[in-house]
C-alpha atoms as a PDB file:
ATOM      1  CA  MET A   1      -0.044  -0.028  -0.128  1.00  0.00           C
ATOM      2  CA  ARG A   2       1.273   3.518  -0.943  1.00  0.00           C
ATOM      3  CA  THR A   3       0.739   6.568   1.040  1.00  0.00           C
ATOM      4  CA  ARG A   4       0.952   9.799  -0.777  1.00  0.00           C
ATOM      5  CA  LEU A   5       3.288  12.420   1.081  1.00  0.00           C
ATOM      6  CA  LYS A   6       1.642  15.670   1.604  1.00  0.00           C
ATOM      7  CA  ARG A   7       3.764  18.852   1.543  1.00  0.00           C
ATOM      8  CA  PRO A   8       2.947  21.776   3.857  1.00  0.00           C
ATOM      9  CA  HIS A   9       1.984  24.096   1.169  1.00  0.00           C
ATOM     10  CA  VAL A  10       0.984  26.821   3.608  1.00  0.00           C
ATOM     11  CA  LEU A  11       4.439  27.207   5.073  1.00  0.00           C
ATOM     12  CA  LEU A  12       5.892  27.103   1.561  1.00  0.00           C
ATOM     13  CA  TYR A  13       3.787  29.939   0.379  1.00  0.00           C
ATOM     14  CA  PHE A  14       4.447  31.874   3.589  1.00  0.00           C
ATOM     15  CA  ARG A  15       8.280  31.679   3.075  1.00  0.00           C
ATOM     16  CA  LEU A  16       7.830  32.730  -0.665  1.00  0.00           C
ATOM     17  CA  LEU A  17       5.851  35.757   0.415  1.00  0.00           C
ATOM     18  CA  LEU A  18       8.497  36.797   2.998  1.00  0.00           C
ATOM     19  CA  LEU A  19      11.171  36.378   0.256  1.00  0.00           C
ATOM     20  CA  ALA A  20       9.108  38.696  -2.035  1.00  0.00           C
ATOM     21  CA  GLY A  21       8.562  41.122   0.651  1.00  0.00           C
ATOM     22  CA  VAL A  22      12.294  41.584   1.492  1.00  0.00           C
ATOM     23  CA  LEU A  23      13.088  41.753  -2.304  1.00  0.00           C
ATOM     24  CA  GLY A  24      10.384  44.429  -2.673  1.00  0.00           C
ATOM     25  CA  CYS A  25      12.011  46.392   0.111  1.00  0.00           C
ATOM     26  CA  VAL A  26      15.550  46.081  -1.111  1.00  0.00           C
ATOM     27  CA  GLY A  27      14.358  47.011  -4.736  1.00  0.00           C
ATOM     28  CA  MET A  28      12.184  49.926  -3.733  1.00  0.00           C
ATOM     29  CA  PRO A  29      13.431  53.129  -5.578  1.00  0.00           C
ATOM     30  CA  ALA A  30      14.807  55.959  -3.909  1.00  0.00           C
ATOM     31  CA  GLY A  31      12.097  57.936  -5.386  1.00  0.00           C
ATOM     32  CA  ALA A  32       9.628  56.710  -2.899  1.00  0.00           C
ATOM     33  CA  ALA A  33       8.784  59.505  -0.468  1.00  0.00           C
ATOM     34  CA  ALA A  34       6.076  60.752   2.004  1.00  0.00           C
ATOM     35  CA  LEU A  35       3.361  62.784   0.527  1.00  0.00           C
ATOM     36  CA  GLY A  36       3.936  66.460   0.903  1.00  0.00           C
ATOM     37  CA  SER A  37       7.767  66.243   0.473  1.00  0.00           C
ATOM     38  CA  PRO A  38       9.393  67.996  -2.520  1.00  0.00           C
ATOM     39  CA  GLN A  39      10.763  64.895  -4.128  1.00  0.00           C
ATOM     40  CA  THR A  40       9.688  63.719  -7.403  1.00  0.00           C
ATOM     41  CA  PRO A  41      10.223  59.982  -8.326  1.00  0.00           C
ATOM     42  CA  GLN A  42      12.472  59.324 -11.248  1.00  0.00           C
ATOM     43  CA  SER A  43      10.778  58.931 -14.607  1.00  0.00           C
ATOM     44  CA  GLY A  44      10.144  55.240 -15.372  1.00  0.00           C
ATOM     45  CA  SER A  45      10.423  54.140 -11.862  1.00  0.00           C
ATOM     46  CA  VAL A  46       7.757  52.594  -9.654  1.00  0.00           C
ATOM     47  CA  GLY A  47       7.242  54.592  -6.495  1.00  0.00           C
ATOM     48  CA  LEU A  48       5.304  54.013  -3.460  1.00  0.00           C
ATOM     49  CA  GLU A  49       3.721  57.017  -1.457  1.00  0.00           C
ATOM     50  CA  GLY A  50       2.105  57.289   1.921  1.00  0.00           C
ATOM     51  CA  THR A  51       1.881  59.425   4.869  1.00  0.00           C
ATOM     52  CA  ILE A  52       3.187  58.540   8.298  1.00  0.00           C
ATOM     53  CA  GLY A  53       1.347  60.279  11.192  1.00  0.00           C
ATOM     54  CA  ALA A  54       3.222  62.688  13.255  1.00  0.00           C
ATOM     55  CA  PRO A  55       2.265  65.556  15.458  1.00  0.00           C
ATOM     56  CA  ALA A  56       2.627  69.162  14.217  1.00  0.00           C
ATOM     57  CA  PRO A  57       5.298  71.319  15.274  1.00  0.00           C
ATOM     58  CA  THR A  58       4.765  72.706  18.797  1.00  0.00           C
ATOM     59  CA  GLN A  59       7.687  75.234  19.027  1.00  0.00           C
ATOM     60  CA  ALA A  60       6.948  78.573  17.404  1.00  0.00           C
ATOM     61  CA  ALA A  61       9.520  80.602  15.535  1.00  0.00           C
ATOM     62  CA  THR A  62      10.325  84.121  16.738  1.00  0.00           C
ATOM     63  CA  ILE A  63      11.152  87.379  14.875  1.00  0.00           C
ATOM     64  CA  ALA A  64      14.051  89.149  16.315  1.00  0.00           C
ATOM     65  CA  LEU A  65      14.729  91.495  13.307  1.00  0.00           C
ATOM     66  CA  PRO A  66      13.320  93.927  12.425  1.00  0.00           C
ATOM     67  CA  THR A  67      11.812  95.347  15.656  1.00  0.00           C
ATOM     68  CA  ASN A  68       8.286  96.306  16.137  1.00  0.00           C
ATOM     69  CA  GLY A  69       7.461  99.880  14.881  1.00  0.00           C
ATOM     70  CA  GLN A  70      10.292 100.373  12.415  1.00  0.00           C
ATOM     71  CA  THR A  71       9.668 102.498   9.374  1.00  0.00           C
ATOM     72  CA  PHE A  72      11.535 101.690   6.060  1.00  0.00           C
ATOM     73  CA  THR A  73      12.049 103.580   2.811  1.00  0.00           C
ATOM     74  CA  THR A  74      13.931 100.944   0.684  1.00  0.00           C
ATOM     75  CA  MET A  75      13.508  97.273   0.031  1.00  0.00           C
ATOM     76  CA  PRO A  76      14.040  94.405   0.391  1.00  0.00           C
ATOM     77  CA  ILE A  77      14.281  94.172   4.139  1.00  0.00           C
ATOM     78  CA  THR A  78      15.925  91.305   6.102  1.00  0.00           C
ATOM     79  CA  ILE A  79      13.759  89.289   8.674  1.00  0.00           C
ATOM     80  CA  ALA A  80      15.623  86.942  11.023  1.00  0.00           C
ATOM     81  CA  GLY A  81      14.787  85.018  14.187  1.00  0.00           C
ATOM     82  CA  SER A  82      15.106  81.713  15.901  1.00  0.00           C
ATOM     83  CA  CYS A  83      13.353  78.516  14.998  1.00  0.00           C
ATOM     84  CA  LYS A  84      13.621  74.694  15.409  1.00  0.00           C
ATOM     85  CA  THR A  85      16.303  73.165  13.016  1.00  0.00           C
ATOM     86  CA  GLY A  86      14.968  71.400  10.171  1.00  0.00           C
ATOM     87  CA  LEU A  87      11.763  73.037   9.829  1.00  0.00           C
ATOM     88  CA  LEU A  88      10.577  75.307   6.960  1.00  0.00           C
ATOM     89  CA  VAL A  89       9.872  78.947   8.103  1.00  0.00           C
ATOM     90  CA  LYS A  90       7.223  80.734   6.025  1.00  0.00           C
ATOM     91  CA  ILE A  91       6.758  84.555   6.354  1.00  0.00           C
ATOM     92  CA  PHE A  92       3.401  86.300   6.064  1.00  0.00           C
ATOM     93  CA  SER A  93       2.750  89.952   5.802  1.00  0.00           C
ATOM     94  CA  ASN A  94      -0.716  91.055   6.201  1.00  0.00           C
ATOM     95  CA  ASN A  95      -1.831  87.434   5.721  1.00  0.00           C
ATOM     96  CA  ILE A  96       0.053  87.080   2.442  1.00  0.00           C
ATOM     97  CA  PHE A  97       3.007  84.803   1.825  1.00  0.00           C
ATOM     98  CA  VAL A  98       6.042  86.909   1.102  1.00  0.00           C
ATOM     99  CA  GLY A  99       9.057  84.446   1.464  1.00  0.00           C
ATOM    100  CA  SER A 100      10.494  81.381   3.081  1.00  0.00           C
ATOM    101  CA  ALA A 101      13.790  79.885   4.341  1.00  0.00           C
ATOM    102  CA  GLN A 102      15.015  76.535   5.989  1.00  0.00           C
ATOM    103  CA  CYS A 103      15.741  76.773   9.460  1.00  0.00           C
ATOM    104  CA  THR A 104      19.484  75.790  10.057  1.00  0.00           C
ATOM    105  CA  ASN A 105      21.321  75.602  13.369  1.00  0.00           C
ATOM    106  CA  GLY A 106      18.266  77.040  15.285  1.00  0.00           C
ATOM    107  CA  SER A 107      17.873  80.261  13.116  1.00  0.00           C
ATOM    108  CA  TYR A 108      16.695  81.633   9.718  1.00  0.00           C
ATOM    109  CA  SER A 109      17.221  84.618   7.754  1.00  0.00           C
ATOM    110  CA  LEU A 110      15.669  85.965   4.658  1.00  0.00           C
ATOM    111  CA  GLN A 111      14.860  89.031   2.607  1.00  0.00           C
ATOM    112  CA  ILE A 112      11.272  90.185   1.950  1.00  0.00           C
ATOM    113  CA  SER A 113       9.316  93.024   0.175  1.00  0.00           C
ATOM    114  CA  LEU A 114       6.787  95.149   2.041  1.00  0.00           C
ATOM    115  CA  PHE A 115       3.496  96.471   1.168  1.00  0.00           C
ATOM    116  CA  SER A 116       3.016 100.238   1.257  1.00  0.00           C
ATOM    117  CA  GLY A 117       1.950 101.379   4.533  1.00  0.00           C
ATOM    118  CA  ARG A 118       1.553  99.033   7.346  1.00  0.00           C
ATOM    119  CA  ASN A 119       2.779  95.393   7.436  1.00  0.00           C
ATOM    120  CA  ASP A 120       1.808  93.047  10.037  1.00  0.00           C
ATOM    121  CA  ILE A 121       4.472  90.259   9.908  1.00  0.00           C
ATOM    122  CA  VAL A 122       4.190  86.741  11.438  1.00  0.00           C
ATOM    123  CA  ALA A 123       6.440  83.659  10.935  1.00  0.00           C
ATOM    124  CA  ARG A 124       5.161  80.139  10.956  1.00  0.00           C
ATOM    125  CA  VAL A 125       7.064  76.817  10.920  1.00  0.00           C
ATOM    126  CA  TYR A 126       5.993  73.792   8.851  1.00  0.00           C
ATOM    127  CA  ASP A 127       7.138  70.146   9.043  1.00  0.00           C
ATOM    128  CA  ALA A 128       7.874  67.761   6.058  1.00  0.00           C
ATOM    129  CA  LEU A 129       4.211  66.852   6.056  1.00  0.00           C
ATOM    130  CA  ASP A 130       3.215  70.670   5.653  1.00  0.00           C
ATOM    131  CA  GLN A 131       1.848  70.648   9.131  1.00  0.00           C
ATOM    132  CA  ALA A 132       1.899  74.281  10.526  1.00  0.00           C
ATOM    133  CA  GLY A 133       3.200  75.011  14.012  1.00  0.00           C
ATOM    134  CA  PRO A 134       1.994  77.884  16.238  1.00  0.00           C
ATOM    135  CA  ASP A 135       2.516  81.585  15.007  1.00  0.00           C
ATOM    136  CA  SER A 136       5.539  83.504  16.107  1.00  0.00           C
ATOM    137  CA  ASN A 137       5.145  86.988  17.774  1.00  0.00           C
ATOM    138  CA  THR A 138       3.597  89.462  15.287  1.00  0.00           C
ATOM    139  CA  ILE A 139       5.592  92.619  14.447  1.00  0.00           C
ATOM    140  CA  SER A 140       4.237  95.828  12.826  1.00  0.00           C
ATOM    141  CA  VAL A 141       6.513  97.798  10.443  1.00  0.00           C
ATOM    142  CA  PHE A 142       5.807 100.577   7.938  1.00  0.00           C
ATOM    143  CA  PHE A 143       6.997 101.219   4.366  1.00  0.00           C
ATOM    144  CA  ASN A 144       6.999 104.777   3.057  1.00  0.00           C
ATOM    145  CA  ASP A 145       6.802 104.123  -0.636  1.00  0.00           C
ATOM    146  CA  ALA A 146       7.718 107.213  -2.737  1.00  0.00           C
ATOM    147  CA  GLN A 147       7.494 105.210  -5.983  1.00  0.00           C
ATOM    148  CA  PHE A 148       3.872 104.164  -5.135  1.00  0.00           C
ATOM    149  CA  ALA A 149       2.891 107.828  -4.582  1.00  0.00           C
ATOM    150  CA  GLN A 150       4.309 108.698  -7.915  1.00  0.00           C
ATOM    151  CA  PHE A 151       3.091 105.866  -9.999  1.00  0.00           C
ATOM    152  CA  GLY A 152       0.069 104.454  -8.086  1.00  0.00           C
ATOM    153  CA  SER A 153       0.911 100.854  -8.099  1.00  0.00           C
ATOM    154  CA  ARG A 154       3.915  98.746  -7.205  1.00  0.00           C
ATOM    155  CA  VAL A 155       4.788  95.301  -8.625  1.00  0.00           C
ATOM    156  CA  SER A 156       4.585  92.289  -6.037  1.00  0.00           C
ATOM    157  CA  LEU A 157       5.396  88.579  -5.978  1.00  0.00           C
ATOM    158  CA  THR A 158       4.046  85.574  -4.146  1.00  0.00           C
ATOM    159  CA  SER A 159       3.672  81.763  -4.699  1.00  0.00           C
ATOM    160  CA  THR A 160       1.581  78.841  -3.681  1.00  0.00           C
ATOM    161  CA  TYR A 161       4.728  76.902  -2.963  1.00  0.00           C
ATOM    162  CA  ALA A 162       7.205  78.172  -0.434  1.00  0.00           C
ATOM    163  CA  LYS A 163       9.294  74.895  -1.126  1.00  0.00           C
ATOM    164  CA  LEU A 164       9.642  72.898  -4.137  1.00  0.00           C
ATOM    165  CA  GLY A 165      12.115  70.217  -5.373  1.00  0.00           C
ATOM    166  CA  ALA A 166      13.143  67.930  -8.243  1.00  0.00           C
ATOM    167  CA  ASN A 167      15.631  65.306  -8.892  1.00  0.00           C
ATOM    168  CA  PRO A 168      18.966  66.515 -10.194  1.00  0.00           C
ATOM    169  CA  GLY A 169      19.047  66.578 -13.816  1.00  0.00           C
ATOM    170  CA  THR A 170      15.174  67.248 -13.986  1.00  0.00           C
ATOM    171  CA  GLU A 171      13.679  70.459 -14.829  1.00  0.00           C
ATOM    172  CA  LEU A 172      12.124  72.290 -11.862  1.00  0.00           C
ATOM    173  CA  ASP A 173       8.965  74.347 -12.908  1.00  0.00           C
ATOM    174  CA  TRP A 174       7.847  76.747 -10.116  1.00  0.00           C
ATOM    175  CA  PRO A 175       4.625  78.871 -10.570  1.00  0.00           C
ATOM    176  CA  ILE A 176       4.958  82.429  -9.282  1.00  0.00           C
ATOM    177  CA  VAL A 177       2.114  85.041  -9.060  1.00  0.00           C
ATOM    178  CA  LEU A 178       3.139  88.246 -10.449  1.00  0.00           C
ATOM    179  CA  SER A 179       0.773  91.347  -9.691  1.00  0.00           C
ATOM    180  CA  GLY A 180       0.706  95.159  -9.838  1.00  0.00           C
ATOM    181  CA  GLY A 181       3.063  97.527 -11.439  1.00  0.00           C
ATOM    182  CA  VAL A 182       3.064  98.250 -15.094  1.00  0.00           C
ATOM    183  CA  GLY A 183       4.370  95.933 -17.821  1.00  0.00           C
ATOM    184  CA  PRO A 184       6.481  94.732 -19.398  1.00  0.00           C
ATOM    185  CA  TYR A 185       8.342  93.024 -16.338  1.00  0.00           C
ATOM    186  CA  ALA A 186      11.894  91.737 -16.113  1.00  0.00           C
ATOM    187  CA  ILE A 187      12.244  88.686 -13.912  1.00  0.00           C
ATOM    188  CA  SER A 188      15.572  87.657 -12.586  1.00  0.00           C
ATOM    189  CA  THR A 189      15.947  84.390 -10.396  1.00  0.00           C
ATOM    190  CA  ASP A 190      19.097  83.419  -8.598  1.00  0.00           C
ATOM    191  CA  TRP A 191      18.691  79.776  -7.865  1.00  0.00           C
ATOM    192  CA  GLY A 192      21.416  79.691  -5.228  1.00  0.00           C
ATOM    193  CA  ASP A 193      23.476  76.954  -6.842  1.00  0.00           C
ATOM    194  CA  GLY A 194      26.315  79.116  -8.120  1.00  0.00           C
ATOM    195  CA  THR A 195      24.974  79.415 -11.572  1.00  0.00           C
ATOM    196  CA  SER A 196      24.155  82.562 -13.446  1.00  0.00           C
ATOM    197  CA  ALA A 197      20.705  84.008 -12.613  1.00  0.00           C
ATOM    198  CA  THR A 198      17.949  83.243 -15.201  1.00  0.00           C
ATOM    199  CA  LEU A 199      16.356  86.116 -16.993  1.00  0.00           C
ATOM    200  CA  GLN A 200      12.882  86.225 -18.502  1.00  0.00           C
ATOM    201  CA  SER A 201      10.500  88.932 -19.796  1.00  0.00           C
ATOM    202  CA  GLU A 202       6.730  88.912 -19.045  1.00  0.00           C
ATOM    203  CA  ALA A 203       4.315  91.257 -20.791  1.00  0.00           C
ATOM    204  CA  PHE A 204       1.362  90.754 -18.333  1.00  0.00           C
ATOM    205  CA  THR A 205       0.491  90.054 -14.689  1.00  0.00           C
ATOM    206  CA  GLY A 206      -0.821  86.659 -13.659  1.00  0.00           C
ATOM    207  CA  THR A 207       0.848  83.267 -12.839  1.00  0.00           C
ATOM    208  CA  ILE A 208       4.264  82.797 -14.468  1.00  0.00           C
ATOM    209  CA  THR A 209       6.650  79.917 -14.476  1.00  0.00           C
ATOM    210  CA  ILE A 210      10.355  79.962 -13.671  1.00  0.00           C
ATOM    211  CA  LYS A 211      12.531  77.083 -14.652  1.00  0.00           C
ATOM    212  CA  HIS A 212      15.862  75.648 -13.439  1.00  0.00           C
ATOM    213  CA  THR A 213      17.615  72.331 -13.476  1.00  0.00           C
ATOM    214  CA  TYR A 214      19.957  71.510 -10.477  1.00  0.00           C
ATOM    215  CA  SER A 215      22.971  69.451 -11.291  1.00  0.00           C
ATOM    216  CA  SER A 216      23.632  67.929  -7.724  1.00  0.00           C
ATOM    217  CA  ALA A 217      21.663  67.344  -4.634  1.00  0.00           C
ATOM    218  CA  GLY A 218      21.159  70.298  -2.118  1.00  0.00           C
ATOM    219  CA  ILE A 219      18.795  72.789  -0.383  1.00  0.00           C
ATOM    220  CA  PHE A 220      18.962  76.169  -1.996  1.00  0.00           C
ATOM    221  CA  ASN A 221      17.866  79.752  -1.328  1.00  0.00           C
ATOM    222  CA  VAL A 222      16.089  80.896  -4.502  1.00  0.00           C
ATOM    223  CA  ILE A 223      15.637  84.696  -4.891  1.00  0.00           C
ATOM    224  CA  VAL A 224      13.211  86.080  -7.460  1.00  0.00           C
ATOM    225  CA  LYS A 225      13.203  89.658  -8.348  1.00  0.00           C
ATOM    226  CA  ALA A 226      10.659  91.538 -10.503  1.00  0.00           C
ATOM    227  CA  THR A 227      11.194  94.904 -12.047  1.00  0.00           C
ATOM    228  CA  ASP A 228       8.280  96.741 -13.942  1.00  0.00           C
ATOM    229  CA  ALA A 229       8.405  99.348 -16.588  1.00  0.00           C
ATOM    230  CA  ASN A 230       8.344 102.071 -13.843  1.00  0.00           C
ATOM    231  CA  GLY A 231      11.483 100.653 -12.108  1.00  0.00           C
ATOM    232  CA  THR A 232       9.426  99.396  -9.019  1.00  0.00           C
ATOM    233  CA  THR A 233      10.949  96.182  -7.744  1.00  0.00           C
ATOM    234  CA  ALA A 234       9.721  93.082  -5.713  1.00  0.00           C
ATOM    235  CA  PHE A 235      11.637  90.402  -4.074  1.00  0.00           C
ATOM    236  CA  LEU A 236      10.593  86.858  -3.117  1.00  0.00           C
ATOM    237  CA  GLN A 237      12.819  84.363  -1.385  1.00  0.00           C
ATOM    238  CA  LEU A 238      11.951  80.612  -1.678  1.00  0.00           C
ATOM    239  CA  VAL A 239      13.668  77.137  -0.742  1.00  0.00           C
ATOM    240  CA  GLY A 240      14.727  75.018  -3.749  1.00  0.00           C
ATOM    241  CA  VAL A 241      15.390  71.287  -3.301  1.00  0.00           C
ATOM    242  CA  ALA A 242      17.510  69.063  -5.538  1.00  0.00           C
ATOM    243  CA  ASN A 243      16.515  65.582  -4.099  1.00  0.00           C
ATOM    244  CA  GLY A 244      19.180  63.235  -2.839  1.00  0.00           C
ATOM    245  CA  LYS A 245      21.919  62.783  -0.227  1.00  0.00           C
ATOM    246  CA  VAL A 246      23.638  66.387   0.236  1.00  0.00           C
ATOM    247  CA  THR A 247      27.413  66.162   0.531  1.00  0.00           C
ATOM    248  CA  GLN A 248      29.545  68.759   2.394  1.00  0.00           C
ATOM    249  CA  GLY A 249      29.788  71.858   0.316  1.00  0.00           C
ATOM    250  CA  ALA A 250      27.145  70.577  -2.300  1.00  0.00           C
ATOM    251  CA  THR A 251      24.881  73.643  -1.635  1.00  0.00           C
ATOM    252  CA  ALA A 252      25.473  77.206  -2.450  1.00  0.00           C
ATOM    253  CA  GLY A 253      23.544  79.748  -0.477  1.00  0.00           C
ATOM    254  CA  GLY A 254      21.645  76.702   1.018  1.00  0.00           C
ATOM    255  CA  THR A 255      21.872  74.453   4.016  1.00  0.00           C
ATOM    256  CA  ASN A 256      23.799  71.282   4.375  1.00  0.00           C
ATOM    257  CA  GLY A 257      22.180  68.002   5.319  1.00  0.00           C
ATOM    258  CA  THR A 258      19.840  65.576   3.694  1.00  0.00           C
ATOM    259  CA  SER A 259      17.093  67.144   1.759  1.00  0.00           C
ATOM    260  CA  ASN A 260      13.447  65.949   2.429  1.00  0.00           C
ATOM    261  CA  GLY A 261      12.463  62.738   0.837  1.00  0.00           C
ATOM    262  CA  GLY A 262      16.026  61.959  -0.531  1.00  0.00           C
ATOM    263  CA  GLY A 263      19.324  60.440   0.556  1.00  0.00           C
ATOM    264  CA  ASN A 264      18.151  57.969   3.163  1.00  0.00           C
ATOM    265  CA  GLY A 265      16.419  55.477   0.737  1.00  0.00           C
ATOM    266  CA  GLY A 266      19.285  53.157   0.557  1.00  0.00           C
ATOM    267  CA  THR A 267      19.979  53.244   4.128  1.00  0.00           C
ATOM    268  CA  THR A 268      16.246  52.534   5.139  1.00  0.00           C
ATOM    269  CA  ALA A 269      16.324  49.700   2.543  1.00  0.00           C
ATOM    270  CA  TRP A 270      19.366  48.122   4.184  1.00  0.00           C
ATOM    271  CA  TRP A 271      17.912  48.469   7.725  1.00  0.00           C
ATOM    272  CA  LEU A 272      14.715  46.767   6.581  1.00  0.00           C
ATOM    273  CA  THR A 273      16.803  44.088   4.919  1.00  0.00           C
ATOM    274  CA  LEU A 274      18.755  43.484   8.241  1.00  0.00           C
ATOM    275  CA  ILE A 275      15.433  43.276  10.064  1.00  0.00           C
ATOM    276  CA  ILE A 276      13.589  40.949   7.824  1.00  0.00           C
ATOM    277  CA  ILE A 277      16.485  38.525   6.884  1.00  0.00           C
ATOM    278  CA  PRO A 278      16.467  36.763  10.311  1.00  0.00           C
ATOM    279  CA  PHE A 279      12.830  36.121  10.188  1.00  0.00           C
ATOM    280  CA  ILE A 280      13.139  34.674   6.783  1.00  0.00           C
ATOM    281  CA  ILE A 281      16.044  32.275   7.906  1.00  0.00           C
ATOM    282  CA  VAL A 282      13.839  31.320  10.745  1.00  0.00           C
ATOM    283  CA  ALA A 283      10.768  30.720   8.593  1.00  0.00           C
ATOM    284  CA  PHE A 284      12.774  28.535   6.297  1.00  0.00           C
ATOM    285  CA  TRP A 285      14.260  26.591   9.146  1.00  0.00           C
ATOM    286  CA  LEU A 286      10.951  25.971  10.871  1.00  0.00           C
ATOM    287  CA  GLY A 287       9.418  24.995   7.388  1.00  0.00           C
ATOM    288  CA  ARG A 288      12.233  22.649   6.773  1.00  0.00           C
ATOM    289  CA  ARG A 289      11.744  20.933  10.078  1.00  0.00           C
ATOM    290  CA  HIS A 290       8.109  20.671   9.560  1.00  0.00           C
ATOM    291  CA  GLU A 291       8.452  19.011   6.275  1.00  0.00           C
ATOM    292  CA  LEU A 292      11.146  16.483   7.643  1.00  0.00           C
ATOM    293  CA  TYR A 293       8.612  15.783  10.563  1.00  0.00           C
ATOM    294  CA  SER A 294       5.701  15.315   8.184  1.00  0.00           C
ATOM    295  CA  ILE A 295       7.861  12.989   5.984  1.00  0.00           C
ATOM    296  CA  ARG A 296       8.972  10.846   9.082  1.00  0.00           C
ATOM    297  CA  LYS A 297       5.333  10.760  10.228  1.00  0.00           C
ATOM    298  CA  HIS A 298       4.084   9.570   6.844  1.00  0.00           C
ATOM    299  CA  LEU A 299       6.777   6.929   6.603  1.00  0.00           C
ATOM    300  CA  ASP A 300       5.960   5.714   9.962  1.00  0.00           C
ATOM    301  CA  GLN A 301       2.327   5.269   8.953  1.00  0.00           C
ATOM    302  CA  SER A 302       3.277   3.672   5.877  1.00  0.00           C
ATOM    303  CA  ARG A 303       5.403   1.196   7.614  1.00  0.00           C
ATOM    304  CA  ASN A 304       2.603   0.441  10.208  1.00  0.00           C
ATOM    305  CA  ASN A 305       0.056   0.032   7.215  1.00  0.00           C
ATOM    306  CA  ILE A 306       2.478  -2.449   5.424  1.00  0.00           C
ATOM    307  CA  GLU A 307       3.076  -4.436   8.750  1.00  0.00           C
ATOM    308  CA  TYR A 308      -0.545  -4.469   9.353  1.00  0.00           C
END
C-alpha cells in the first residue's frame, strides 16, 4: 500500500511571500517618498507613496529682526529670528505669503518685500508633512513708498509653493504669481547653486513659471526679483530642493544636510533588510523541520500499514 506524502503548502507559500517582501524592500526606488515632500520620483520608476502620522510642530519661531514699529523707505528688508532646526519657516505679511527659508542651526534669515503702509508680519513653521506650528510673535513695520505715490501701483510677487524640489538633472518648474505694477516686467531668478541668474520677460501680470535644472543634490535659497516698466521692484525668497543625499559643500547659499525625501532611501532599505532576513531564515528553518517531521510521520504510518 502506498501513501502519498503531503507537502506543507501553507508554510511554503509563507516563505515565498516573505522572500518577495524583502526583495520588494531592497528594490524600492529612492524616489519613494512621503506625501508633501518636494521629491519627485525618477521617470520610469515605480514609486510608493504614503503618509506617516506625526504631531505638528509645537515650538513657534520668533522674529528678532526687524523690531516692532520700524519704518523703511527701501526694499528688500531682512527678517531673522530663531526656530527649530529642520523646519521650514514661512513669512506672512498682512496674511499674504512673502517668503520662506529653511531653519538651520536654530535660526533663519531671509529678505522680503513690504507693502505700502503698515505690514503686520508673522513667521510660521512647517514640518515635512506641511503641518503648521504655532505663529511667532507679530511685528508691525511701515513702508513709506515714494514710488507708489508717484506711479500709483507697485509690482509684487508671491507663490503657492514656499518650497519645491525635483531630482538633479530634472527641470524644476515653479509657478509664481506676479501682480501690480506696469508691464512689461523683467524677472531675474538666482537659484542659489552658483549658476548665473535666469532672466525672462513677461508682458502681463498673472501666474508665470520660472524654470531651472539643478546638477547635484542640495537645499538652496532661491531669490526672485521682478522689475516693472516704472522701475518698481519686488523680491521673493523661496527654498529650492534638488533631491538626494547632500554632501558637504554641495549647496551654495543653502543648507547642508539631507533634503526631504531623498538620500536615506538606500539606508532605510538596508535596515529593513537586516531586520527581515533573520525572520526569513527562521521561517525557512521551521518550514524545513516541519517538512522532515511530516515525511517521517508519513513513513512511519506507511510502515505500520504495510506491517498490518
